[in-house]
Amino acid sequence: MADDDDERLRSGLDKLKASLSKAREAQGPAPVPRDRVSEAARGDSGVSLGMRAGSEFISAIIVGSGVGWALDRLLGTNPAFLIVFFMLGVAAGVWGVVRLTSPKGGGSARDSRLSHPDAADKGFSRSAPAAEPDASPGRGASRGAKEASGGADDDED
């Protein structure tokens, strides 16, 4: 009797495996979500990202300084335009690095789980322990035990 049940279950399992493999073959390979693709597969490994950010920063400074130097030579105003365009180059370099290293797309999938409005810690007050000594149920009991034992509480100043 048990052998008949096992055979029936195994044949049902084999049929299910066969139909699943046929369906999987008909669909083709499953697309990988953009945020799941590894950085190395996209060509943005840590070293290449750092080199790209550094070169973008340096090139922005060089271009800004070059434009400032050329304007100073052309107009005869020594270091005025060089200083201004050097600062603009630094600002453009920082902006480029921030833009390069900030996350792209993904929306709320990349946010912390605590940044959502329904996070578990929303609604709790974060007041100082001295302002509300018995705010949480277990806190007063542990404080009373420490005071009763005569031990100093190192956490509070």
N, C-alpha and C. Protein backbone atom coordinates (compact mmCIF):
# COMPACT_ATOMS: atom_id res chain seq x y z
N MET A 1 0.82 -1.18 0.00
CA MET A 1 0.00 0.00 0.00
C MET A 1 0.87 1.25 0.00
N ALA A 2 1.88 1.27 0.87
CA ALA A 2 2.77 2.42 0.96
C ALA A 2 3.59 2.56 -0.32
N ASP A 3 3.94 1.44 -0.95
CA ASP A 3 4.69 1.49 -2.19
C ASP A 3 3.86 2.11 -3.32
N ASP A 4 2.56 1.81 -3.34
CA ASP A 4 1.68 2.40 -4.36
C ASP A 4 1.59 3.91 -4.18
N ASP A 5 1.49 4.36 -2.93
CA ASP A 5 1.44 5.79 -2.67
C ASP A 5 2.73 6.47 -3.08
N ASP A 6 3.87 5.84 -2.76
CA ASP A 6 5.16 6.42 -3.13
C ASP A 6 5.31 6.51 -4.65
N GLU A 7 4.91 5.46 -5.35
CA GLU A 7 5.00 5.46 -6.81
C GLU A 7 4.10 6.54 -7.42
N ARG A 8 2.89 6.66 -6.87
CA ARG A 8 1.97 7.66 -7.38
C ARG A 8 2.51 9.07 -7.13
N LEU A 9 3.08 9.32 -5.96
CA LEU A 9 3.66 10.63 -5.64
C LEU A 9 4.86 10.93 -6.53
N ARG A 10 5.72 9.93 -6.72
CA ARG A 10 6.90 10.13 -7.57
C ARG A 10 6.51 10.41 -9.02
N SER A 11 5.51 9.70 -9.52
CA SER A 11 5.09 9.94 -10.91
C SER A 11 4.47 11.35 -11.04
N GLY A 12 3.72 11.76 -10.03
CA GLY A 12 3.16 13.12 -10.04
C GLY A 12 4.26 14.17 -9.98
N LEU A 13 5.29 13.90 -9.18
CA LEU A 13 6.41 14.82 -9.07
C LEU A 13 7.19 14.90 -10.38
N ASP A 14 7.39 13.76 -11.03
CA ASP A 14 8.07 13.75 -12.33
C ASP A 14 7.29 14.52 -13.38
N LYS A 15 5.96 14.35 -13.40
CA LYS A 15 5.13 15.10 -14.34
C LYS A 15 5.23 16.60 -14.08
N LEU A 16 5.22 16.99 -12.82
CA LEU A 16 5.32 18.40 -12.46
C LEU A 16 6.67 18.99 -12.87
N LYS A 17 7.75 18.24 -12.63
CA LYS A 17 9.09 18.70 -13.04
C LYS A 17 9.16 18.88 -14.55
N ALA A 18 8.59 17.94 -15.29
CA ALA A 18 8.62 18.01 -16.76
C ALA A 18 7.83 19.23 -17.25
N SER A 19 6.66 19.48 -16.67
CA SER A 19 5.86 20.63 -17.13
C SER A 19 6.54 21.94 -16.74
N LEU A 20 7.18 21.99 -15.59
CA LEU A 20 7.89 23.20 -15.19
C LEU A 20 9.09 23.46 -16.09
N SER A 21 9.83 22.43 -16.43
CA SER A 21 10.99 22.63 -17.30
C SER A 21 10.55 23.06 -18.70
N LYS A 22 9.42 22.54 -19.20
CA LYS A 22 8.91 22.97 -20.50
C LYS A 22 8.50 24.44 -20.45
N ALA A 23 7.85 24.84 -19.39
CA ALA A 23 7.41 26.23 -19.25
C ALA A 23 8.62 27.16 -19.13
N ARG A 24 9.63 26.73 -18.42
CA ARG A 24 10.85 27.53 -18.25
C ARG A 24 11.58 27.68 -19.59
N GLU A 25 11.63 26.62 -20.38
CA GLU A 25 12.27 26.68 -21.68
C GLU A 25 11.50 27.60 -22.63
N ALA A 26 10.17 27.59 -22.53
CA ALA A 26 9.35 28.43 -23.39
C ALA A 26 9.54 29.91 -23.07
N GLN A 27 9.77 30.23 -21.80
CA GLN A 27 9.96 31.63 -21.39
C GLN A 27 11.32 32.16 -21.76
N GLY A 28 12.29 31.32 -21.80
CA GLY A 28 13.67 31.76 -22.04
C GLY A 28 14.31 32.15 -20.72
N PRO A 29 15.52 32.71 -20.80
CA PRO A 29 16.20 33.07 -19.56
C PRO A 29 15.48 34.23 -18.86
N ALA A 30 15.45 34.16 -17.55
CA ALA A 30 14.78 35.20 -16.75
C ALA A 30 15.63 36.47 -16.77
N PRO A 31 15.00 37.62 -17.00
CA PRO A 31 15.77 38.87 -16.98
C PRO A 31 16.22 39.20 -15.57
N VAL A 32 17.43 39.70 -15.48
CA VAL A 32 18.00 40.07 -14.18
C VAL A 32 17.65 41.53 -13.92
N PRO A 33 17.06 41.84 -12.75
CA PRO A 33 16.75 43.24 -12.45
C PRO A 33 18.00 44.10 -12.46
N ARG A 34 17.85 45.37 -12.85
CA ARG A 34 18.99 46.29 -13.00
C ARG A 34 19.76 46.46 -11.70
N ASP A 35 19.06 46.54 -10.57
CA ASP A 35 19.77 46.77 -9.33
C ASP A 35 20.45 45.50 -8.81
N ARG A 36 20.13 44.35 -9.37
CA ARG A 36 20.75 43.10 -8.94
C ARG A 36 22.01 42.77 -9.74
N VAL A 37 22.23 43.46 -10.84
CA VAL A 37 23.41 43.20 -11.65
C VAL A 37 24.63 43.68 -10.86
N SER A 38 25.63 42.84 -10.79
CA SER A 38 26.81 43.22 -10.01
C SER A 38 27.55 44.38 -10.68
N GLU A 39 28.26 45.14 -9.85
CA GLU A 39 29.00 46.28 -10.38
C GLU A 39 30.09 45.84 -11.35
N ALA A 40 30.68 44.68 -11.11
CA ALA A 40 31.73 44.19 -12.00
C ALA A 40 31.16 43.84 -13.36
N ALA A 41 29.92 43.35 -13.40
CA ALA A 41 29.31 43.00 -14.68
C ALA A 41 29.01 44.25 -15.49
N ARG A 42 28.72 45.37 -14.83
CA ARG A 42 28.46 46.62 -15.54
C ARG A 42 29.75 47.35 -15.86
N GLY A 43 30.86 46.92 -15.33
CA GLY A 43 32.13 47.59 -15.59
C GLY A 43 32.45 48.67 -14.58
N ASP A 44 31.68 48.75 -13.50
CA ASP A 44 31.91 49.77 -12.48
C ASP A 44 32.45 49.14 -11.21
N SER A 45 33.62 48.55 -11.28
CA SER A 45 34.21 48.01 -10.07
C SER A 45 34.67 49.18 -9.22
N GLY A 46 35.03 48.91 -7.99
CA GLY A 46 35.44 49.98 -7.08
C GLY A 46 36.64 50.75 -7.58
N VAL A 47 37.62 50.06 -8.13
CA VAL A 47 38.83 50.73 -8.61
C VAL A 47 38.51 51.59 -9.82
N SER A 48 37.74 51.05 -10.76
CA SER A 48 37.43 51.84 -11.96
C SER A 48 36.55 53.05 -11.61
N LEU A 49 35.64 52.88 -10.66
CA LEU A 49 34.81 54.01 -10.23
C LEU A 49 35.66 55.08 -9.56
N GLY A 50 36.61 54.66 -8.75
CA GLY A 50 37.51 55.62 -8.10
C GLY A 50 38.40 56.35 -9.10
N MET A 51 38.93 55.62 -10.06
CA MET A 51 39.76 56.25 -11.09
C MET A 51 38.95 57.22 -11.94
N ARG A 52 37.73 56.84 -12.27
CA ARG A 52 36.89 57.72 -13.07
C ARG A 52 36.52 58.98 -12.29
N ALA A 53 36.19 58.83 -11.01
CA ALA A 53 35.84 59.99 -10.19
C ALA A 53 37.04 60.91 -10.03
N GLY A 54 38.21 60.34 -9.79
CA GLY A 54 39.42 61.16 -9.65
C GLY A 54 39.79 61.88 -10.93
N SER A 55 39.70 61.18 -12.04
CA SER A 55 40.05 61.83 -13.30
C SER A 55 39.04 62.91 -13.67
N GLU A 56 37.77 62.68 -13.35
CA GLU A 56 36.77 63.71 -13.63
C GLU A 56 37.00 64.95 -12.77
N PHE A 57 37.37 64.74 -11.52
CA PHE A 57 37.64 65.86 -10.62
C PHE A 57 38.85 66.66 -11.10
N ILE A 58 39.95 65.97 -11.39
CA ILE A 58 41.18 66.64 -11.83
C ILE A 58 40.97 67.34 -13.17
N SER A 59 40.28 66.68 -14.10
CA SER A 59 40.07 67.30 -15.41
C SER A 59 39.21 68.56 -15.31
N ALA A 60 38.23 68.58 -14.43
CA ALA A 60 37.41 69.78 -14.25
C ALA A 60 38.26 70.93 -13.71
N ILE A 61 39.17 70.64 -12.79
CA ILE A 61 40.05 71.68 -12.25
C ILE A 61 41.01 72.18 -13.33
N ILE A 62 41.56 71.28 -14.10
CA ILE A 62 42.51 71.68 -15.16
C ILE A 62 41.81 72.53 -16.22
N VAL A 63 40.62 72.12 -16.63
CA VAL A 63 39.89 72.89 -17.65
C VAL A 63 39.53 74.27 -17.10
N GLY A 64 39.04 74.33 -15.86
CA GLY A 64 38.71 75.62 -15.27
C GLY A 64 39.92 76.52 -15.13
N SER A 65 41.03 75.96 -14.69
CA SER A 65 42.25 76.76 -14.56
C SER A 65 42.76 77.20 -15.93
N GLY A 66 42.66 76.35 -16.92
CA GLY A 66 43.11 76.70 -18.27
C GLY A 66 42.29 77.84 -18.86
N VAL A 67 40.97 77.78 -18.66
CA VAL A 67 40.12 78.86 -19.16
C VAL A 67 40.45 80.16 -18.43
N GLY A 68 40.62 80.09 -17.12
CA GLY A 68 40.98 81.29 -16.35
C GLY A 68 42.32 81.87 -16.75
N TRP A 69 43.30 81.01 -16.96
CA TRP A 69 44.64 81.46 -17.37
C TRP A 69 44.58 82.12 -18.75
N ALA A 70 43.81 81.50 -19.67
CA ALA A 70 43.70 82.04 -21.03
C ALA A 70 43.01 83.41 -21.01
N LEU A 71 41.97 83.54 -20.21
CA LEU A 71 41.28 84.84 -20.12
C LEU A 71 42.20 85.89 -19.49
N ASP A 72 42.98 85.50 -18.48
CA ASP A 72 43.92 86.45 -17.88
C ASP A 72 44.96 86.90 -18.89
N ARG A 73 45.48 86.00 -19.70
CA ARG A 73 46.48 86.36 -20.72
C ARG A 73 45.86 87.26 -21.79
N LEU A 74 44.63 86.93 -22.17
CA LEU A 74 43.97 87.67 -23.23
C LEU A 74 43.59 89.09 -22.79
N LEU A 75 43.08 89.20 -21.55
CA LEU A 75 42.61 90.49 -21.07
C LEU A 75 43.63 91.25 -20.24
N GLY A 76 44.74 90.63 -19.91
CA GLY A 76 45.79 91.27 -19.14
C GLY A 76 45.45 91.44 -17.66
N THR A 77 44.54 90.66 -17.17
CA THR A 77 44.17 90.72 -15.74
C THR A 77 44.80 89.52 -15.06
N ASN A 78 45.96 89.76 -14.46
CA ASN A 78 46.63 88.64 -13.80
C ASN A 78 45.84 88.23 -12.58
N PRO A 79 45.93 87.26 -11.96
CA PRO A 79 45.25 86.06 -11.49
C PRO A 79 43.76 86.14 -11.25
N ALA A 80 43.06 87.23 -11.64
CA ALA A 80 41.63 87.37 -11.31
C ALA A 80 40.80 86.23 -11.91
N PHE A 81 40.86 86.05 -13.23
CA PHE A 81 40.07 85.00 -13.87
C PHE A 81 40.60 83.61 -13.54
N LEU A 82 41.90 83.49 -13.32
CA LEU A 82 42.47 82.20 -12.94
C LEU A 82 41.88 81.73 -11.61
N ILE A 83 41.78 82.63 -10.65
CA ILE A 83 41.23 82.26 -9.34
C ILE A 83 39.75 81.92 -9.46
N VAL A 84 39.01 82.73 -10.17
CA VAL A 84 37.56 82.51 -10.31
C VAL A 84 37.29 81.19 -11.02
N PHE A 85 37.97 80.94 -12.14
CA PHE A 85 37.70 79.73 -12.89
C PHE A 85 38.30 78.49 -12.23
N PHE A 86 39.36 78.67 -11.43
CA PHE A 86 39.86 77.55 -10.63
C PHE A 86 38.79 77.11 -9.63
N MET A 87 38.16 78.07 -8.97
CA MET A 87 37.09 77.73 -8.02
C MET A 87 35.89 77.10 -8.73
N LEU A 88 35.56 77.62 -9.89
CA LEU A 88 34.47 77.01 -10.66
C LEU A 88 34.82 75.58 -11.08
N GLY A 89 36.09 75.36 -11.43
CA GLY A 89 36.53 74.01 -11.78
C GLY A 89 36.44 73.06 -10.60
N VAL A 90 36.81 73.53 -9.41
CA VAL A 90 36.70 72.70 -8.20
C VAL A 90 35.23 72.36 -7.95
N ALA A 91 34.35 73.38 -8.05
CA ALA A 91 32.93 73.13 -7.83
C ALA A 91 32.37 72.15 -8.87
N ALA A 92 32.77 72.32 -10.13
CA ALA A 92 32.31 71.40 -11.16
C ALA A 92 32.85 69.99 -10.93
N GLY A 93 34.08 69.88 -10.45
CA GLY A 93 34.65 68.57 -10.15
C GLY A 93 33.93 67.87 -9.02
N VAL A 94 33.63 68.62 -7.96
CA VAL A 94 32.90 68.03 -6.83
C VAL A 94 31.50 67.60 -7.29
N TRP A 95 30.84 68.45 -8.06
CA TRP A 95 29.51 68.11 -8.56
C TRP A 95 29.56 66.86 -9.43
N GLY A 96 30.57 66.75 -10.26
CA GLY A 96 30.69 65.58 -11.11
C GLY A 96 30.93 64.30 -10.32
N VAL A 97 31.75 64.38 -9.28
CA VAL A 97 32.01 63.20 -8.44
C VAL A 97 30.76 62.80 -7.68
N VAL A 98 30.04 63.77 -7.15
CA VAL A 98 28.79 63.45 -6.43
C VAL A 98 27.79 62.81 -7.38
N ARG A 99 27.65 63.36 -8.57
CA ARG A 99 26.73 62.81 -9.56
C ARG A 99 27.14 61.40 -9.98
N LEU A 100 28.45 61.18 -10.10
CA LEU A 100 28.95 59.88 -10.54
C LEU A 100 28.75 58.81 -9.47
N THR A 101 28.94 59.16 -8.21
CA THR A 101 28.90 58.16 -7.15
C THR A 101 27.55 58.01 -6.49
N SER A 102 26.58 58.86 -6.81
CA SER A 102 25.26 58.71 -6.21
C SER A 102 24.50 57.59 -6.91
N PRO A 103 23.61 56.90 -6.16
CA PRO A 103 22.87 55.77 -6.75
C PRO A 103 21.95 56.23 -7.87
N LYS A 104 21.87 55.41 -8.89
CA LYS A 104 21.03 55.72 -10.04
C LYS A 104 19.78 54.88 -9.99
N GLY A 105 18.63 55.50 -10.15
CA GLY A 105 17.37 54.76 -10.23
C GLY A 105 17.09 53.96 -8.98
N GLY A 106 16.27 52.99 -9.09
CA GLY A 106 15.95 52.12 -7.97
C GLY A 106 14.85 52.68 -7.11
N GLY A 107 14.74 53.98 -7.01
CA GLY A 107 13.68 54.60 -6.21
C GLY A 107 13.71 54.16 -4.77
N SER A 108 12.56 53.75 -4.27
CA SER A 108 12.45 53.41 -2.86
C SER A 108 13.06 52.04 -2.55
N ALA A 109 13.43 51.26 -3.55
CA ALA A 109 14.04 49.96 -3.29
C ALA A 109 15.41 50.11 -2.66
N ARG A 110 16.07 51.24 -2.87
CA ARG A 110 17.38 51.46 -2.30
C ARG A 110 17.32 52.17 -0.95
N ASP A 111 16.14 52.65 -0.56
CA ASP A 111 16.01 53.36 0.70
C ASP A 111 16.12 52.40 1.88
N SER A 112 16.46 52.95 3.01
CA SER A 112 16.50 52.17 4.23
C SER A 112 15.08 51.77 4.61
N ARG A 113 14.92 50.64 5.25
CA ARG A 113 13.59 50.22 5.65
C ARG A 113 13.04 51.14 6.73
N LEU A 114 13.89 51.91 7.38
CA LEU A 114 13.43 52.83 8.41
C LEU A 114 12.97 54.16 7.84
N SER A 115 13.21 54.41 6.56
CA SER A 115 12.82 55.69 5.98
C SER A 115 11.39 55.68 5.48
N HIS A 116 10.73 54.55 5.51
CA HIS A 116 9.35 54.47 5.07
C HIS A 116 8.42 54.97 6.16
N PRO A 117 7.27 55.50 5.82
CA PRO A 117 6.37 56.05 6.85
C PRO A 117 5.81 55.00 7.79
N ASP A 118 5.80 53.74 7.40
CA ASP A 118 5.26 52.70 8.27
C ASP A 118 6.36 51.89 8.95
N ALA A 119 7.52 52.49 9.17
CA ALA A 119 8.63 51.79 9.81
C ALA A 119 8.28 51.47 11.26
N ALA A 120 8.95 50.47 11.79
CA ALA A 120 8.63 49.98 13.12
C ALA A 120 8.91 50.99 14.23
N ASP A 121 9.89 51.88 14.02
CA ASP A 121 10.24 52.80 15.10
C ASP A 121 9.54 54.15 14.99
N LYS A 122 8.64 54.33 14.03
CA LYS A 122 7.93 55.59 13.89
C LYS A 122 6.93 55.73 15.04
N GLY A 123 6.81 56.92 15.56
CA GLY A 123 5.84 57.17 16.61
C GLY A 123 6.41 57.06 18.00
N PHE A 124 7.61 56.54 18.17
CA PHE A 124 8.21 56.46 19.48
C PHE A 124 8.92 57.77 19.77
N SER A 125 8.79 58.26 20.99
CA SER A 125 9.50 59.49 21.35
C SER A 125 10.94 59.14 21.70
N ARG A 126 11.82 60.02 21.33
CA ARG A 126 13.24 59.80 21.60
C ARG A 126 13.72 60.82 22.60
N SER A 127 13.08 60.87 23.74
CA SER A 127 13.46 61.83 24.76
C SER A 127 14.58 61.27 25.62
N ALA A 128 15.22 62.15 26.33
CA ALA A 128 16.34 61.75 27.18
C ALA A 128 15.83 60.90 28.33
N PRO A 129 16.62 59.94 28.82
CA PRO A 129 16.18 59.09 29.92
C PRO A 129 15.90 59.89 31.20
N ALA A 130 16.61 60.98 31.42
CA ALA A 130 16.40 61.75 32.64
C ALA A 130 15.06 62.47 32.61
N ALA A 131 14.56 62.82 31.41
CA ALA A 131 13.29 63.53 31.30
C ALA A 131 12.12 62.63 31.65
N GLU A 132 12.18 61.36 31.26
CA GLU A 132 11.13 60.40 31.57
C GLU A 132 11.78 59.15 32.15
N PRO A 133 11.95 59.09 33.45
CA PRO A 133 12.69 57.96 34.02
C PRO A 133 11.99 56.62 33.87
N ASP A 134 10.66 56.58 33.84
CA ASP A 134 9.97 55.30 33.76
C ASP A 134 9.19 55.20 32.45
N ALA A 135 9.77 55.66 31.35
CA ALA A 135 9.07 55.68 30.07
C ALA A 135 8.84 54.28 29.52
N SER A 136 9.78 53.39 29.70
CA SER A 136 9.61 52.02 29.22
C SER A 136 9.45 51.09 30.39
N PRO A 137 8.71 49.99 30.22
CA PRO A 137 8.39 49.13 31.36
C PRO A 137 9.60 48.48 32.01
N GLY A 138 10.58 48.01 31.25
CA GLY A 138 11.71 47.31 31.84
C GLY A 138 12.76 48.25 32.39
N ARG A 139 12.72 49.48 32.02
CA ARG A 139 13.77 50.42 32.38
C ARG A 139 13.71 50.80 33.86
N GLY A 140 12.51 51.05 34.37
CA GLY A 140 12.39 51.45 35.77
C GLY A 140 12.83 50.34 36.71
N ALA A 141 12.51 49.10 36.35
CA ALA A 141 12.88 47.99 37.22
C ALA A 141 14.38 47.82 37.26
N SER A 142 15.06 47.96 36.14
CA SER A 142 16.50 47.78 36.15
C SER A 142 17.18 48.93 36.87
N ARG A 143 16.63 50.14 36.75
CA ARG A 143 17.22 51.28 37.44
C ARG A 143 17.05 51.11 38.94
N GLY A 144 15.86 50.65 39.34
CA GLY A 144 15.62 50.45 40.78
C GLY A 144 16.54 49.39 41.33
N ALA A 145 16.81 48.34 40.56
CA ALA A 145 17.71 47.28 41.02
C ALA A 145 19.12 47.81 41.17
N LYS A 146 19.56 48.68 40.26
CA LYS A 146 20.91 49.23 40.37
C LYS A 146 21.02 50.14 41.58
N GLU A 147 19.97 50.96 41.80
CA GLU A 147 20.02 51.86 42.95
C GLU A 147 19.96 51.07 44.24
N ALA A 148 19.17 49.99 44.27
CA ALA A 148 19.06 49.20 45.49
C ALA A 148 20.37 48.50 45.80
N SER A 149 21.11 48.10 44.75
CA SER A 149 22.37 47.41 44.99
C SER A 149 23.48 48.38 45.34
N GLY A 150 23.21 49.67 45.17
CA GLY A 150 24.24 50.66 45.51
C GLY A 150 25.24 50.89 44.41
N GLY A 151 25.11 50.21 43.26
CA GLY A 151 26.04 50.37 42.17
C GLY A 151 25.76 51.62 41.37
N ALA A 152 26.78 52.24 40.85
CA ALA A 152 26.62 53.44 40.05
C ALA A 152 26.26 53.04 38.62
N ASP A 153 25.45 53.83 38.00
CA ASP A 153 25.08 53.60 36.61
C ASP A 153 26.05 54.35 35.72
N ASP A 154 26.87 53.61 34.96
CA ASP A 154 27.90 54.25 34.14
C ASP A 154 27.33 54.87 32.87
N ASP A 155 26.10 54.50 32.48
CA ASP A 155 25.54 55.00 31.25
C ASP A 155 25.08 56.44 31.34
N GLU A 156 24.75 56.91 32.53
CA GLU A 156 24.22 58.25 32.69
C GLU A 156 25.25 59.13 33.34
N ASP A 157 25.31 60.38 32.91
CA ASP A 157 26.26 61.33 33.50
C ASP A 157 25.57 62.29 34.41
